[in-house]
Amino acid sequence: MLILGLILFGMLIGAAAQLILGREGKRIDWTMAIVAGLVGSFVGGLLVSLIAGDGIKFRASGIIGSIVGAIIVTLIWRWSRSRSAR
């Protein structure tokens, strides 16, 4: 159940990152949302939580770090996709 919750949380964070950056079409790319959300949540959320001194707990600093991490992963994904299309 925890794994399902983490995947759902990552998907929502990834979708939020796409909404903040603007979608490339009319729909959310759910594959990108899941990957960016999970990777961004792990890296960004963990780093910000540890820097803020919260440890590994569910706090606002971790959620903010997760969104920032997902935005960075989404930007890198879009950049690499546009570069390979040339």
PDB file of N, CA and C in Angstrom:
ATOM      1  N   MET A   1       0.818  -1.188   0.000  1.00  0.00           N
ATOM      2  CA  MET A   1       0.000   0.000   0.000  1.00  0.00           C
ATOM      3  C   MET A   1       0.865   1.257   0.000  1.00  0.00           C
ATOM      4  N   LEU A   2       2.004   1.197   0.685  1.00  0.00           N
ATOM      5  CA  LEU A   2       2.911   2.337   0.729  1.00  0.00           C
ATOM      6  C   LEU A   2       3.465   2.640  -0.658  1.00  0.00           C
ATOM      7  N   ILE A   3       3.813   1.608  -1.413  1.00  0.00           N
ATOM      8  CA  ILE A   3       4.354   1.808  -2.759  1.00  0.00           C
ATOM      9  C   ILE A   3       3.316   2.457  -3.655  1.00  0.00           C
ATOM     10  N   LEU A   4       2.076   2.023  -3.554  1.00  0.00           N
ATOM     11  CA  LEU A   4       1.000   2.620  -4.346  1.00  0.00           C
ATOM     12  C   LEU A   4       0.812   4.095  -3.973  1.00  0.00           C
ATOM     13  N   GLY A   5       0.894   4.401  -2.695  1.00  0.00           N
ATOM     14  CA  GLY A   5       0.796   5.789  -2.240  1.00  0.00           C
ATOM     15  C   GLY A   5       1.940   6.646  -2.749  1.00  0.00           C
ATOM     16  N   LEU A   6       3.147   6.094  -2.758  1.00  0.00           N
ATOM     17  CA  LEU A   6       4.299   6.836  -3.274  1.00  0.00           C
ATOM     18  C   LEU A   6       4.179   7.100  -4.771  1.00  0.00           C
ATOM     19  N   ILE A   7       3.691   6.118  -5.508  1.00  0.00           N
ATOM     20  CA  ILE A   7       3.498   6.309  -6.944  1.00  0.00           C
ATOM     21  C   ILE A   7       2.426   7.366  -7.204  1.00  0.00           C
ATOM     22  N   LEU A   8       1.342   7.328  -6.458  1.00  0.00           N
ATOM     23  CA  LEU A   8       0.279   8.321  -6.612  1.00  0.00           C
ATOM     24  C   LEU A   8       0.782   9.717  -6.245  1.00  0.00           C
ATOM     25  N   PHE A   9       1.526   9.824  -5.149  1.00  0.00           N
ATOM     26  CA  PHE A   9       2.094  11.112  -4.741  1.00  0.00           C
ATOM     27  C   PHE A   9       3.042  11.639  -5.812  1.00  0.00           C
ATOM     28  N   GLY A  10       3.897  10.772  -6.347  1.00  0.00           N
ATOM     29  CA  GLY A  10       4.822  11.176  -7.402  1.00  0.00           C
ATOM     30  C   GLY A  10       4.097  11.624  -8.649  1.00  0.00           C
ATOM     31  N   MET A  11       3.019  10.924  -8.991  1.00  0.00           N
ATOM     32  CA  MET A  11       2.249  11.293 -10.160  1.00  0.00           C
ATOM     33  C   MET A  11       1.608  12.672  -9.982  1.00  0.00           C
ATOM     34  N   LEU A  12       1.089  12.944  -8.801  1.00  0.00           N
ATOM     35  CA  LEU A  12       0.475  14.256  -8.538  1.00  0.00           C
ATOM     36  C   LEU A  12       1.515  15.373  -8.541  1.00  0.00           C
ATOM     37  N   ILE A  13       2.686  15.110  -7.973  1.00  0.00           N
ATOM     38  CA  ILE A  13       3.754  16.110  -7.971  1.00  0.00           C
ATOM     39  C   ILE A  13       4.236  16.371  -9.396  1.00  0.00           C
ATOM     40  N   GLY A  14       4.387  15.316 -10.189  1.00  0.00           N
ATOM     41  CA  GLY A  14       4.790  15.474 -11.589  1.00  0.00           C
ATOM     42  C   GLY A  14       3.765  16.240 -12.405  1.00  0.00           C
ATOM     43  N   ALA A  15       2.490  15.974 -12.156  1.00  0.00           N
ATOM     44  CA  ALA A  15       1.431  16.705 -12.853  1.00  0.00           C
ATOM     45  C   ALA A  15       1.445  18.166 -12.440  1.00  0.00           C
ATOM     46  N   ALA A  16       1.695  18.436 -11.160  1.00  0.00           N
ATOM     47  CA  ALA A  16       1.780  19.826 -10.696  1.00  0.00           C
ATOM     48  C   ALA A  16       2.942  20.544 -11.361  1.00  0.00           C
ATOM     49  N   ALA A  17       4.062  19.850 -11.533  1.00  0.00           N
ATOM     50  CA  ALA A  17       5.217  20.456 -12.211  1.00  0.00           C
ATOM     51  C   ALA A  17       4.879  20.811 -13.651  1.00  0.00           C
ATOM     52  N   GLN A  18       4.145  19.933 -14.334  1.00  0.00           N
ATOM     53  CA  GLN A  18       3.750  20.235 -15.710  1.00  0.00           C
ATOM     54  C   GLN A  18       2.772  21.399 -15.768  1.00  0.00           C
ATOM     55  N   LEU A  19       1.880  21.490 -14.797  1.00  0.00           N
ATOM     56  CA  LEU A  19       0.935  22.607 -14.773  1.00  0.00           C
ATOM     57  C   LEU A  19       1.645  23.922 -14.489  1.00  0.00           C
ATOM     58  N   ILE A  20       2.662  23.889 -13.631  1.00  0.00           N
ATOM     59  CA  ILE A  20       3.420  25.104 -13.324  1.00  0.00           C
ATOM     60  C   ILE A  20       4.212  25.556 -14.544  1.00  0.00           C
ATOM     61  N   LEU A  21       4.835  24.613 -15.248  1.00  0.00           N
ATOM     62  CA  LEU A  21       5.649  24.954 -16.410  1.00  0.00           C
ATOM     63  C   LEU A  21       4.826  25.190 -17.668  1.00  0.00           C
ATOM     64  N   GLY A  22       3.622  24.744 -17.680  1.00  0.00           N
ATOM     65  CA  GLY A  22       2.794  24.827 -18.873  1.00  0.00           C
ATOM     66  C   GLY A  22       2.894  23.517 -19.635  1.00  0.00           C
ATOM     67  N   ARG A  23       1.778  23.034 -20.065  1.00  0.00           N
ATOM     68  CA  ARG A  23       1.757  21.754 -20.771  1.00  0.00           C
ATOM     69  C   ARG A  23       2.139  21.966 -22.221  1.00  0.00           C
ATOM     70  N   GLU A  24       2.747  20.949 -22.825  1.00  0.00           N
ATOM     71  CA  GLU A  24       3.143  21.017 -24.229  1.00  0.00           C
ATOM     72  C   GLU A  24       1.986  20.705 -25.162  1.00  0.00           C
ATOM     73  N   GLY A  25       0.944  20.230 -24.650  1.00  0.00           N
ATOM     74  CA  GLY A  25      -0.263  19.944 -25.430  1.00  0.00           C
ATOM     75  C   GLY A  25      -1.445  20.336 -24.582  1.00  0.00           C
ATOM     76  N   LYS A  26      -2.565  19.745 -24.857  1.00  0.00           N
ATOM     77  CA  LYS A  26      -3.738  20.043 -24.049  1.00  0.00           C
ATOM     78  C   LYS A  26      -3.867  19.093 -22.872  1.00  0.00           C
ATOM     79  N   ARG A  27      -3.045  18.050 -22.856  1.00  0.00           N
ATOM     80  CA  ARG A  27      -3.138  17.042 -21.799  1.00  0.00           C
ATOM     81  C   ARG A  27      -1.830  16.933 -21.049  1.00  0.00           C
ATOM     82  N   ILE A  28      -1.918  16.316 -19.900  1.00  0.00           N
ATOM     83  CA  ILE A  28      -0.726  16.044 -19.095  1.00  0.00           C
ATOM     84  C   ILE A  28      -0.119  14.737 -19.583  1.00  0.00           C
ATOM     85  N   ASP A  29       1.194  14.729 -19.771  1.00  0.00           N
ATOM     86  CA  ASP A  29       1.915  13.516 -20.142  1.00  0.00           C
ATOM     87  C   ASP A  29       2.130  12.716 -18.853  1.00  0.00           C
ATOM     88  N   TRP A  30       1.310  11.686 -18.651  1.00  0.00           N
ATOM     89  CA  TRP A  30       1.328  10.959 -17.380  1.00  0.00           C
ATOM     90  C   TRP A  30       2.600  10.147 -17.189  1.00  0.00           C
ATOM     91  N   THR A  31       3.212   9.703 -18.276  1.00  0.00           N
ATOM     92  CA  THR A  31       4.483   8.993 -18.140  1.00  0.00           C
ATOM     93  C   THR A  31       5.542   9.930 -17.586  1.00  0.00           C
ATOM     94  N   MET A  32       5.609  11.122 -18.161  1.00  0.00           N
ATOM     95  CA  MET A  32       6.556  12.119 -17.662  1.00  0.00           C
ATOM     96  C   MET A  32       6.203  12.520 -16.239  1.00  0.00           C
ATOM     97  N   ALA A  33       4.926  12.617 -15.936  1.00  0.00           N
ATOM     98  CA  ALA A  33       4.498  13.015 -14.593  1.00  0.00           C
ATOM     99  C   ALA A  33       4.951  12.006 -13.545  1.00  0.00           C
ATOM    100  N   ILE A  34       4.795  10.719 -13.850  1.00  0.00           N
ATOM    101  CA  ILE A  34       5.196   9.688 -12.884  1.00  0.00           C
ATOM    102  C   ILE A  34       6.702   9.693 -12.690  1.00  0.00           C
ATOM    103  N   VAL A  35       7.457   9.708 -13.788  1.00  0.00           N
ATOM    104  CA  VAL A  35       8.923   9.671 -13.684  1.00  0.00           C
ATOM    105  C   VAL A  35       9.450  10.929 -13.005  1.00  0.00           C
ATOM    106  N   ALA A  36       9.001  12.096 -13.470  1.00  0.00           N
ATOM    107  CA  ALA A  36       9.481  13.354 -12.892  1.00  0.00           C
ATOM    108  C   ALA A  36       9.051  13.476 -11.436  1.00  0.00           C
ATOM    109  N   GLY A  37       7.858  13.041 -11.131  1.00  0.00           N
ATOM    110  CA  GLY A  37       7.379  13.114  -9.756  1.00  0.00           C
ATOM    111  C   GLY A  37       8.158  12.216  -8.814  1.00  0.00           C
ATOM    112  N   LEU A  38       8.408  10.983  -9.238  1.00  0.00           N
ATOM    113  CA  LEU A  38       9.138  10.058  -8.374  1.00  0.00           C
ATOM    114  C   LEU A  38      10.601  10.465  -8.210  1.00  0.00           C
ATOM    115  N   VAL A  39      11.267  10.766  -9.324  1.00  0.00           N
ATOM    116  CA  VAL A  39      12.680  11.158  -9.245  1.00  0.00           C
ATOM    117  C   VAL A  39      12.817  12.501  -8.545  1.00  0.00           C
ATOM    118  N   GLY A  40      11.975  13.455  -8.916  1.00  0.00           N
ATOM    119  CA  GLY A  40      12.026  14.775  -8.288  1.00  0.00           C
ATOM    120  C   GLY A  40      11.691  14.732  -6.816  1.00  0.00           C
ATOM    121  N   SER A  41      10.726  13.911  -6.450  1.00  0.00           N
ATOM    122  CA  SER A  41      10.367  13.776  -5.042  1.00  0.00           C
ATOM    123  C   SER A  41      11.497  13.159  -4.242  1.00  0.00           C
ATOM    124  N   PHE A  42      12.103  12.151  -4.818  1.00  0.00           N
ATOM    125  CA  PHE A  42      13.193  11.492  -4.097  1.00  0.00           C
ATOM    126  C   PHE A  42      14.383  12.432  -3.913  1.00  0.00           C
ATOM    127  N   VAL A  43      14.836  13.015  -4.984  1.00  0.00           N
ATOM    128  CA  VAL A  43      16.025  13.863  -4.912  1.00  0.00           C
ATOM    129  C   VAL A  43      15.722  15.192  -4.228  1.00  0.00           C
ATOM    130  N   GLY A  44      14.753  15.930  -4.766  1.00  0.00           N
ATOM    131  CA  GLY A  44      14.444  17.250  -4.225  1.00  0.00           C
ATOM    132  C   GLY A  44      13.872  17.207  -2.826  1.00  0.00           C
ATOM    133  N   GLY A  45      12.921  16.328  -2.599  1.00  0.00           N
ATOM    134  CA  GLY A  45      12.292  16.225  -1.281  1.00  0.00           C
ATOM    135  C   GLY A  45      13.254  15.771  -0.214  1.00  0.00           C
ATOM    136  N   LEU A  46      14.077  14.803  -0.537  1.00  0.00           N
ATOM    137  CA  LEU A  46      15.044  14.303   0.429  1.00  0.00           C
ATOM    138  C   LEU A  46      16.084  15.359   0.763  1.00  0.00           C
ATOM    139  N   LEU A  47      16.620  16.019  -0.259  1.00  0.00           N
ATOM    140  CA  LEU A  47      17.649  17.031  -0.012  1.00  0.00           C
ATOM    141  C   LEU A  47      17.115  18.209   0.792  1.00  0.00           C
ATOM    142  N   VAL A  48      15.944  18.715   0.412  1.00  0.00           N
ATOM    143  CA  VAL A  48      15.391  19.868   1.129  1.00  0.00           C
ATOM    144  C   VAL A  48      15.015  19.496   2.557  1.00  0.00           C
ATOM    145  N   SER A  49      14.472  18.309   2.759  1.00  0.00           N
ATOM    146  CA  SER A  49      14.121  17.876   4.117  1.00  0.00           C
ATOM    147  C   SER A  49      15.361  17.762   4.999  1.00  0.00           C
ATOM    148  N   LEU A  50      16.421  17.216   4.430  1.00  0.00           N
ATOM    149  CA  LEU A  50      17.649  17.081   5.218  1.00  0.00           C
ATOM    150  C   LEU A  50      18.307  18.430   5.476  1.00  0.00           C
ATOM    151  N   ILE A  51      18.295  19.322   4.501  1.00  0.00           N
ATOM    152  CA  ILE A  51      18.866  20.662   4.686  1.00  0.00           C
ATOM    153  C   ILE A  51      18.065  21.451   5.709  1.00  0.00           C
ATOM    154  N   ALA A  52      16.728  21.320   5.673  1.00  0.00           N
ATOM    155  CA  ALA A  52      15.872  22.051   6.615  1.00  0.00           C
ATOM    156  C   ALA A  52      15.932  21.471   8.021  1.00  0.00           C
ATOM    157  N   GLY A  53      16.542  20.302   8.168  1.00  0.00           N
ATOM    158  CA  GLY A  53      16.663  19.695   9.483  1.00  0.00           C
ATOM    159  C   GLY A  53      15.444  18.914   9.910  1.00  0.00           C
ATOM    160  N   ASP A  54      14.540  18.616   8.962  1.00  0.00           N
ATOM    161  CA  ASP A  54      13.332  17.863   9.286  1.00  0.00           C
ATOM    162  C   ASP A  54      13.582  16.365   9.338  1.00  0.00           C
ATOM    163  N   GLY A  55      14.707  15.938   8.817  1.00  0.00           N
ATOM    164  CA  GLY A  55      14.958  14.505   8.740  1.00  0.00           C
ATOM    165  C   GLY A  55      14.097  13.900   7.656  1.00  0.00           C
ATOM    166  N   ILE A  56      13.863  12.628   7.749  1.00  0.00           N
ATOM    167  CA  ILE A  56      13.049  11.957   6.740  1.00  0.00           C
ATOM    168  C   ILE A  56      11.634  11.827   7.293  1.00  0.00           C
ATOM    169  N   LYS A  57      10.912  12.942   7.245  1.00  0.00           N
ATOM    170  CA  LYS A  57       9.523  12.998   7.692  1.00  0.00           C
ATOM    171  C   LYS A  57       8.708  13.714   6.640  1.00  0.00           C
ATOM    172  N   PHE A  58       7.409  13.557   6.694  1.00  0.00           N
ATOM    173  CA  PHE A  58       6.509  14.214   5.760  1.00  0.00           C
ATOM    174  C   PHE A  58       6.237  15.628   6.262  1.00  0.00           C
ATOM    175  N   ARG A  59       6.956  16.577   5.736  1.00  0.00           N
ATOM    176  CA  ARG A  59       6.818  17.982   6.139  1.00  0.00           C
ATOM    177  C   ARG A  59       6.637  18.850   4.901  1.00  0.00           C
ATOM    178  N   ALA A  60       6.290  20.109   5.118  1.00  0.00           N
ATOM    179  CA  ALA A  60       6.094  21.042   4.006  1.00  0.00           C
ATOM    180  C   ALA A  60       7.386  21.263   3.219  1.00  0.00           C
ATOM    181  N   SER A  61       8.517  21.261   3.905  1.00  0.00           N
ATOM    182  CA  SER A  61       9.781  21.472   3.202  1.00  0.00           C
ATOM    183  C   SER A  61      10.041  20.338   2.213  1.00  0.00           C
ATOM    184  N   GLY A  62       9.661  19.143   2.543  1.00  0.00           N
ATOM    185  CA  GLY A  62       9.824  18.013   1.629  1.00  0.00           C
ATOM    186  C   GLY A  62       8.904  18.097   0.434  1.00  0.00           C
ATOM    187  N   ILE A  63       7.693  18.586   0.651  1.00  0.00           N
ATOM    188  CA  ILE A  63       6.746  18.727  -0.447  1.00  0.00           C
ATOM    189  C   ILE A  63       7.216  19.809  -1.409  1.00  0.00           C
ATOM    190  N   ILE A  64       7.677  20.927  -0.876  1.00  0.00           N
ATOM    191  CA  ILE A  64       8.200  22.002  -1.718  1.00  0.00           C
ATOM    192  C   ILE A  64       9.426  21.514  -2.489  1.00  0.00           C
ATOM    193  N   GLY A  65      10.307  20.805  -1.826  1.00  0.00           N
ATOM    194  CA  GLY A  65      11.479  20.244  -2.493  1.00  0.00           C
ATOM    195  C   GLY A  65      11.086  19.253  -3.568  1.00  0.00           C
ATOM    196  N   SER A  66      10.031  18.484  -3.328  1.00  0.00           N
ATOM    197  CA  SER A  66       9.550  17.526  -4.319  1.00  0.00           C
ATOM    198  C   SER A  66       9.063  18.231  -5.574  1.00  0.00           C
ATOM    199  N   ILE A  67       8.327  19.302  -5.397  1.00  0.00           N
ATOM    200  CA  ILE A  67       7.829  20.055  -6.551  1.00  0.00           C
ATOM    201  C   ILE A  67       8.991  20.686  -7.315  1.00  0.00           C
ATOM    202  N   VAL A  68       9.940  21.272  -6.602  1.00  0.00           N
ATOM    203  CA  VAL A  68      11.102  21.879  -7.258  1.00  0.00           C
ATOM    204  C   VAL A  68      11.907  20.809  -7.998  1.00  0.00           C
ATOM    205  N   GLY A  69      12.111  19.663  -7.372  1.00  0.00           N
ATOM    206  CA  GLY A  69      12.825  18.571  -8.020  1.00  0.00           C
ATOM    207  C   GLY A  69      12.094  18.079  -9.262  1.00  0.00           C
ATOM    208  N   ALA A  70      10.774  17.966  -9.193  1.00  0.00           N
ATOM    209  CA  ALA A  70       9.984  17.523 -10.349  1.00  0.00           C
ATOM    210  C   ALA A  70      10.025  18.547 -11.472  1.00  0.00           C
ATOM    211  N   ILE A  71      10.045  19.823 -11.133  1.00  0.00           N
ATOM    212  CA  ILE A  71      10.156  20.866 -12.156  1.00  0.00           C
ATOM    213  C   ILE A  71      11.502  20.746 -12.869  1.00  0.00           C
ATOM    214  N   ILE A  72      12.571  20.532 -12.117  1.00  0.00           N
ATOM    215  CA  ILE A  72      13.896  20.393 -12.719  1.00  0.00           C
ATOM    216  C   ILE A  72      13.949  19.164 -13.622  1.00  0.00           C
ATOM    217  N   VAL A  73      13.423  18.042 -13.153  1.00  0.00           N
ATOM    218  CA  VAL A  73      13.418  16.816 -13.967  1.00  0.00           C
ATOM    219  C   VAL A  73      12.578  17.021 -15.228  1.00  0.00           C
ATOM    220  N   THR A  74      11.438  17.695 -15.121  1.00  0.00           N
ATOM    221  CA  THR A  74      10.584  17.952 -16.282  1.00  0.00           C
ATOM    222  C   THR A  74      11.294  18.845 -17.289  1.00  0.00           C
ATOM    223  N   LEU A  75      11.987  19.872 -16.801  1.00  0.00           N
ATOM    224  CA  LEU A  75      12.739  20.746 -17.706  1.00  0.00           C
ATOM    225  C   LEU A  75      13.835  19.984 -18.431  1.00  0.00           C
ATOM    226  N   ILE A  76      14.559  19.133 -17.713  1.00  0.00           N
ATOM    227  CA  ILE A  76      15.623  18.337 -18.340  1.00  0.00           C
ATOM    228  C   ILE A  76      15.023  17.375 -19.366  1.00  0.00           C
ATOM    229  N   TRP A  77      13.901  16.745 -19.021  1.00  0.00           N
ATOM    230  CA  TRP A  77      13.232  15.822 -19.942  1.00  0.00           C
ATOM    231  C   TRP A  77      12.829  16.552 -21.222  1.00  0.00           C
ATOM    232  N   ARG A  78      12.189  17.721 -21.090  1.00  0.00           N
ATOM    233  CA  ARG A  78      11.759  18.481 -22.268  1.00  0.00           C
ATOM    234  C   ARG A  78      12.954  18.937 -23.096  1.00  0.00           C
ATOM    235  N   TRP A  79      14.007  19.368 -22.431  1.00  0.00           N
ATOM    236  CA  TRP A  79      15.205  19.818 -23.145  1.00  0.00           C
ATOM    237  C   TRP A  79      15.818  18.672 -23.937  1.00  0.00           C
ATOM    238  N   SER A  80      15.941  17.503 -23.311  1.00  0.00           N
ATOM    239  CA  SER A  80      16.553  16.373 -24.010  1.00  0.00           C
ATOM    240  C   SER A  80      15.662  15.878 -25.146  1.00  0.00           C
ATOM    241  N   ARG A  81      14.358  15.938 -24.977  1.00  0.00           N
ATOM    242  CA  ARG A  81      13.444  15.511 -26.040  1.00  0.00           C
ATOM    243  C   ARG A  81      13.487  16.476 -27.207  1.00  0.00           C
ATOM    244  N   SER A  82      13.560  17.780 -26.938  1.00  0.00           N
ATOM    245  CA  SER A  82      13.617  18.750 -28.033  1.00  0.00           C
ATOM    246  C   SER A  82      14.970  18.683 -28.734  1.00  0.00           C
ATOM    247  N   ARG A  83      15.996  18.364 -28.008  1.00  0.00           N
ATOM    248  CA  ARG A  83      17.334  18.253 -28.600  1.00  0.00           C
ATOM    249  C   ARG A  83      17.439  17.023 -29.496  1.00  0.00           C
ATOM    250  N   SER A  84      16.805  15.921 -29.111  1.00  0.00           N
ATOM    251  CA  SER A  84      16.856  14.709 -29.929  1.00  0.00           C
ATOM    252  C   SER A  84      15.935  14.813 -31.148  1.00  0.00           C
ATOM    253  N   ALA A  85      14.984  15.717 -31.132  1.00  0.00           N
ATOM    254  CA  ALA A  85      14.068  15.889 -32.263  1.00  0.00           C
ATOM    255  C   ALA A  85      14.743  16.645 -33.405  1.00  0.00           C
ATOM    256  N   ARG A  86      15.819  17.339 -33.134  1.00  0.00           N
ATOM    257  CA  ARG A  86      16.504  18.118 -34.179  1.00  0.00           C
ATOM    258  C   ARG A  86      17.259  17.255 -35.087  1.00  0.00           C
TER     259      ARG A  86
END
